[in-house]
Amino acid sequence: MKVYTYSEARQKLTELLDLARTEDVAIRRRGGETFVLRYERATRSPLDIPGIKTKASMKDILDAISEVRDGSRRSKN
């Protein structure tokens, strides 16, 4: 792990961000506090799915949802 002073880190921020992709980077302040800069991969939501092309209109989709919901109510009774 490479250690930089606060002043060095300010001057070389772009370089430090690039370096943090491969290793942790420590930044030490004058008072002795040390902070670690670590790369965090972006996570995708499980709900982030590609769309589909369809000729169905909004009304068709809402009618289908309504039909399924009405059918599931009948099956519970």
N, C-alpha and C. Protein backbone atom coordinates (compact mmCIF):
# COMPACT_ATOMS: atom_id res chain seq x y z
N MET A 1 0.86 -1.18 0.00
CA MET A 1 0.00 0.00 0.00
C MET A 1 0.90 1.23 0.00
N LYS A 2 0.62 2.12 -0.93
CA LYS A 2 1.40 3.35 -1.01
C LYS A 2 0.76 4.40 -0.11
N VAL A 3 1.61 5.19 0.54
CA VAL A 3 1.14 6.22 1.46
C VAL A 3 1.52 7.59 0.89
N TYR A 4 0.54 8.49 0.86
CA TYR A 4 0.75 9.86 0.36
C TYR A 4 0.37 10.83 1.46
N THR A 5 1.02 11.98 1.46
CA THR A 5 0.59 13.04 2.36
C THR A 5 -0.66 13.67 1.76
N TYR A 6 -1.36 14.40 2.59
CA TYR A 6 -2.57 15.08 2.14
C TYR A 6 -2.26 16.01 0.96
N SER A 7 -1.17 16.75 1.04
CA SER A 7 -0.79 17.67 -0.03
C SER A 7 -0.48 16.93 -1.33
N GLU A 8 0.26 15.81 -1.22
CA GLU A 8 0.56 15.02 -2.41
C GLU A 8 -0.74 14.47 -3.03
N ALA A 9 -1.62 14.01 -2.17
CA ALA A 9 -2.88 13.43 -2.65
C ALA A 9 -3.71 14.48 -3.40
N ARG A 10 -3.72 15.70 -2.90
CA ARG A 10 -4.46 16.77 -3.58
C ARG A 10 -3.89 17.02 -4.97
N GLN A 11 -2.58 17.04 -5.06
CA GLN A 11 -1.93 17.33 -6.34
C GLN A 11 -2.04 16.17 -7.33
N LYS A 12 -2.12 14.95 -6.83
CA LYS A 12 -2.10 13.77 -7.70
C LYS A 12 -3.40 12.97 -7.61
N LEU A 13 -4.51 13.63 -7.37
CA LEU A 13 -5.77 12.92 -7.14
C LEU A 13 -6.13 11.97 -8.28
N THR A 14 -6.02 12.41 -9.52
CA THR A 14 -6.35 11.55 -10.66
C THR A 14 -5.48 10.31 -10.66
N GLU A 15 -4.19 10.49 -10.42
CA GLU A 15 -3.25 9.37 -10.38
C GLU A 15 -3.61 8.40 -9.25
N LEU A 16 -3.97 8.95 -8.08
CA LEU A 16 -4.34 8.11 -6.94
C LEU A 16 -5.61 7.31 -7.21
N LEU A 17 -6.58 7.94 -7.86
CA LEU A 17 -7.82 7.23 -8.19
C LEU A 17 -7.54 6.08 -9.14
N ASP A 18 -6.67 6.30 -10.12
CA ASP A 18 -6.29 5.22 -11.04
C ASP A 18 -5.55 4.11 -10.31
N LEU A 19 -4.64 4.48 -9.43
CA LEU A 19 -3.87 3.50 -8.66
C LEU A 19 -4.78 2.69 -7.74
N ALA A 20 -5.80 3.34 -7.19
CA ALA A 20 -6.71 2.67 -6.26
C ALA A 20 -7.51 1.55 -6.94
N ARG A 21 -7.53 1.52 -8.26
CA ARG A 21 -8.20 0.42 -8.96
C ARG A 21 -7.45 -0.90 -8.76
N THR A 22 -6.15 -0.82 -8.49
CA THR A 22 -5.35 -2.04 -8.36
C THR A 22 -4.83 -2.28 -6.94
N GLU A 23 -4.77 -1.25 -6.11
CA GLU A 23 -4.30 -1.42 -4.74
C GLU A 23 -4.86 -0.31 -3.86
N ASP A 24 -4.90 -0.57 -2.56
CA ASP A 24 -5.35 0.46 -1.63
C ASP A 24 -4.31 1.57 -1.56
N VAL A 25 -4.79 2.79 -1.35
CA VAL A 25 -3.91 3.95 -1.25
C VAL A 25 -4.20 4.64 0.08
N ALA A 26 -3.15 4.90 0.86
CA ALA A 26 -3.31 5.58 2.15
C ALA A 26 -2.98 7.05 2.00
N ILE A 27 -3.76 7.87 2.67
CA ILE A 27 -3.52 9.32 2.70
C ILE A 27 -3.37 9.71 4.16
N ARG A 28 -2.22 10.31 4.49
CA ARG A 28 -1.93 10.67 5.87
C ARG A 28 -1.99 12.18 6.02
N ARG A 29 -2.77 12.62 7.01
CA ARG A 29 -2.86 14.05 7.30
C ARG A 29 -1.77 14.46 8.27
N ARG A 30 -1.56 15.74 8.38
CA ARG A 30 -0.50 16.29 9.23
C ARG A 30 -0.64 15.82 10.69
N GLY A 31 -1.88 15.71 11.17
CA GLY A 31 -2.12 15.31 12.56
C GLY A 31 -1.91 13.82 12.81
N GLY A 32 -1.59 13.06 11.76
CA GLY A 32 -1.33 11.64 11.93
C GLY A 32 -2.49 10.74 11.52
N GLU A 33 -3.66 11.33 11.24
CA GLU A 33 -4.79 10.52 10.80
C GLU A 33 -4.48 9.92 9.43
N THR A 34 -4.87 8.67 9.25
CA THR A 34 -4.65 8.00 7.97
C THR A 34 -5.99 7.53 7.42
N PHE A 35 -6.20 7.76 6.15
CA PHE A 35 -7.41 7.35 5.46
C PHE A 35 -7.01 6.44 4.31
N VAL A 36 -7.84 5.46 4.01
CA VAL A 36 -7.53 4.53 2.92
C VAL A 36 -8.51 4.77 1.78
N LEU A 37 -7.94 4.91 0.60
CA LEU A 37 -8.72 5.07 -0.62
C LEU A 37 -8.77 3.71 -1.30
N ARG A 38 -9.98 3.18 -1.49
CA ARG A 38 -10.14 1.85 -2.04
C ARG A 38 -11.18 1.88 -3.15
N TYR A 39 -10.89 1.21 -4.24
CA TYR A 39 -11.80 1.14 -5.38
C TYR A 39 -12.98 0.24 -5.03
N GLU A 40 -14.17 0.68 -5.37
CA GLU A 40 -15.37 -0.12 -5.13
C GLU A 40 -16.08 -0.29 -6.46
N ARG A 41 -16.20 -1.53 -6.86
CA ARG A 41 -16.87 -1.82 -8.13
C ARG A 41 -18.34 -1.44 -8.04
N ALA A 42 -18.85 -0.89 -9.12
CA ALA A 42 -20.26 -0.53 -9.16
C ALA A 42 -21.08 -1.81 -9.21
N THR A 43 -22.08 -1.88 -8.37
CA THR A 43 -22.96 -3.04 -8.38
C THR A 43 -24.23 -2.68 -9.12
N ARG A 44 -24.75 -3.64 -9.82
CA ARG A 44 -25.99 -3.41 -10.55
C ARG A 44 -27.16 -3.96 -9.75
N SER A 45 -28.26 -3.31 -9.86
CA SER A 45 -29.47 -3.76 -9.21
C SER A 45 -29.98 -5.03 -9.90
N PRO A 46 -30.48 -5.99 -9.14
CA PRO A 46 -31.07 -7.18 -9.78
C PRO A 46 -32.32 -6.82 -10.59
N LEU A 47 -32.86 -5.63 -10.35
CA LEU A 47 -34.03 -5.19 -11.10
C LEU A 47 -33.64 -4.45 -12.37
N ASP A 48 -32.35 -4.23 -12.58
CA ASP A 48 -31.86 -3.53 -13.75
C ASP A 48 -31.76 -4.53 -14.91
N ILE A 49 -32.86 -4.67 -15.63
CA ILE A 49 -32.91 -5.63 -16.73
C ILE A 49 -33.22 -4.91 -18.03
N PRO A 50 -32.78 -5.45 -19.14
CA PRO A 50 -33.06 -4.78 -20.41
C PRO A 50 -34.55 -4.86 -20.74
N GLY A 51 -35.03 -3.85 -21.43
CA GLY A 51 -36.42 -3.83 -21.84
C GLY A 51 -36.65 -4.73 -23.04
N ILE A 52 -37.91 -4.91 -23.39
CA ILE A 52 -38.26 -5.70 -24.56
C ILE A 52 -39.12 -4.86 -25.49
N LYS A 53 -39.09 -5.19 -26.76
CA LYS A 53 -39.95 -4.49 -27.72
C LYS A 53 -41.21 -5.33 -27.90
N THR A 54 -42.34 -4.68 -27.87
CA THR A 54 -43.62 -5.37 -28.02
C THR A 54 -44.61 -4.45 -28.73
N LYS A 55 -45.58 -5.07 -29.36
CA LYS A 55 -46.63 -4.27 -30.01
C LYS A 55 -47.81 -4.05 -29.07
N ALA A 56 -47.71 -4.57 -27.85
CA ALA A 56 -48.79 -4.40 -26.88
C ALA A 56 -48.88 -2.94 -26.45
N SER A 57 -50.10 -2.48 -26.35
CA SER A 57 -50.32 -1.10 -25.88
C SER A 57 -50.39 -1.11 -24.36
N MET A 58 -50.37 0.07 -23.77
CA MET A 58 -50.51 0.18 -22.32
C MET A 58 -51.82 -0.45 -21.86
N LYS A 59 -52.88 -0.23 -22.63
CA LYS A 59 -54.19 -0.80 -22.29
C LYS A 59 -54.12 -2.32 -22.31
N ASP A 60 -53.45 -2.91 -23.32
CA ASP A 60 -53.31 -4.37 -23.40
C ASP A 60 -52.61 -4.91 -22.14
N ILE A 61 -51.57 -4.23 -21.74
CA ILE A 61 -50.80 -4.68 -20.58
C ILE A 61 -51.64 -4.57 -19.31
N LEU A 62 -52.31 -3.44 -19.13
CA LEU A 62 -53.15 -3.25 -17.94
C LEU A 62 -54.31 -4.24 -17.92
N ASP A 63 -54.89 -4.52 -19.09
CA ASP A 63 -55.97 -5.51 -19.17
C ASP A 63 -55.46 -6.90 -18.77
N ALA A 64 -54.26 -7.25 -19.22
CA ALA A 64 -53.68 -8.55 -18.88
C ALA A 64 -53.42 -8.65 -17.38
N ILE A 65 -52.90 -7.59 -16.80
CA ILE A 65 -52.65 -7.60 -15.35
C ILE A 65 -53.95 -7.73 -14.60
N SER A 66 -54.95 -6.98 -15.02
CA SER A 66 -56.26 -7.03 -14.38
C SER A 66 -56.87 -8.44 -14.48
N GLU A 67 -56.73 -9.05 -15.64
CA GLU A 67 -57.26 -10.39 -15.87
C GLU A 67 -56.58 -11.41 -14.94
N VAL A 68 -55.28 -11.32 -14.81
CA VAL A 68 -54.55 -12.23 -13.94
C VAL A 68 -54.96 -12.02 -12.48
N ARG A 69 -55.08 -10.77 -12.08
CA ARG A 69 -55.47 -10.48 -10.70
C ARG A 69 -56.88 -10.98 -10.40
N ASP A 70 -57.79 -10.78 -11.31
CA ASP A 70 -59.17 -11.26 -11.12
C ASP A 70 -59.19 -12.77 -11.06
N GLY A 71 -58.42 -13.43 -11.87
CA GLY A 71 -58.35 -14.88 -11.88
C GLY A 71 -57.77 -15.43 -10.59
N SER A 72 -56.79 -14.76 -10.03
CA SER A 72 -56.16 -15.25 -8.81
C SER A 72 -57.10 -15.04 -7.61
N ARG A 73 -57.95 -14.02 -7.67
CA ARG A 73 -58.93 -13.83 -6.59
C ARG A 73 -59.96 -14.94 -6.60
N ARG A 74 -60.40 -15.34 -7.79
CA ARG A 74 -61.40 -16.40 -7.91
C ARG A 74 -60.85 -17.72 -7.40
N SER A 75 -59.57 -18.00 -7.67
CA SER A 75 -59.01 -19.29 -7.28
C SER A 75 -58.83 -19.38 -5.76
N LYS A 76 -58.74 -18.24 -5.05
CA LYS A 76 -58.58 -18.27 -3.60
C LYS A 76 -59.91 -18.56 -2.90
N ASN A 77 -61.03 -18.19 -3.52
CA ASN A 77 -62.35 -18.38 -2.87
C ASN A 77 -62.82 -19.78 -2.93
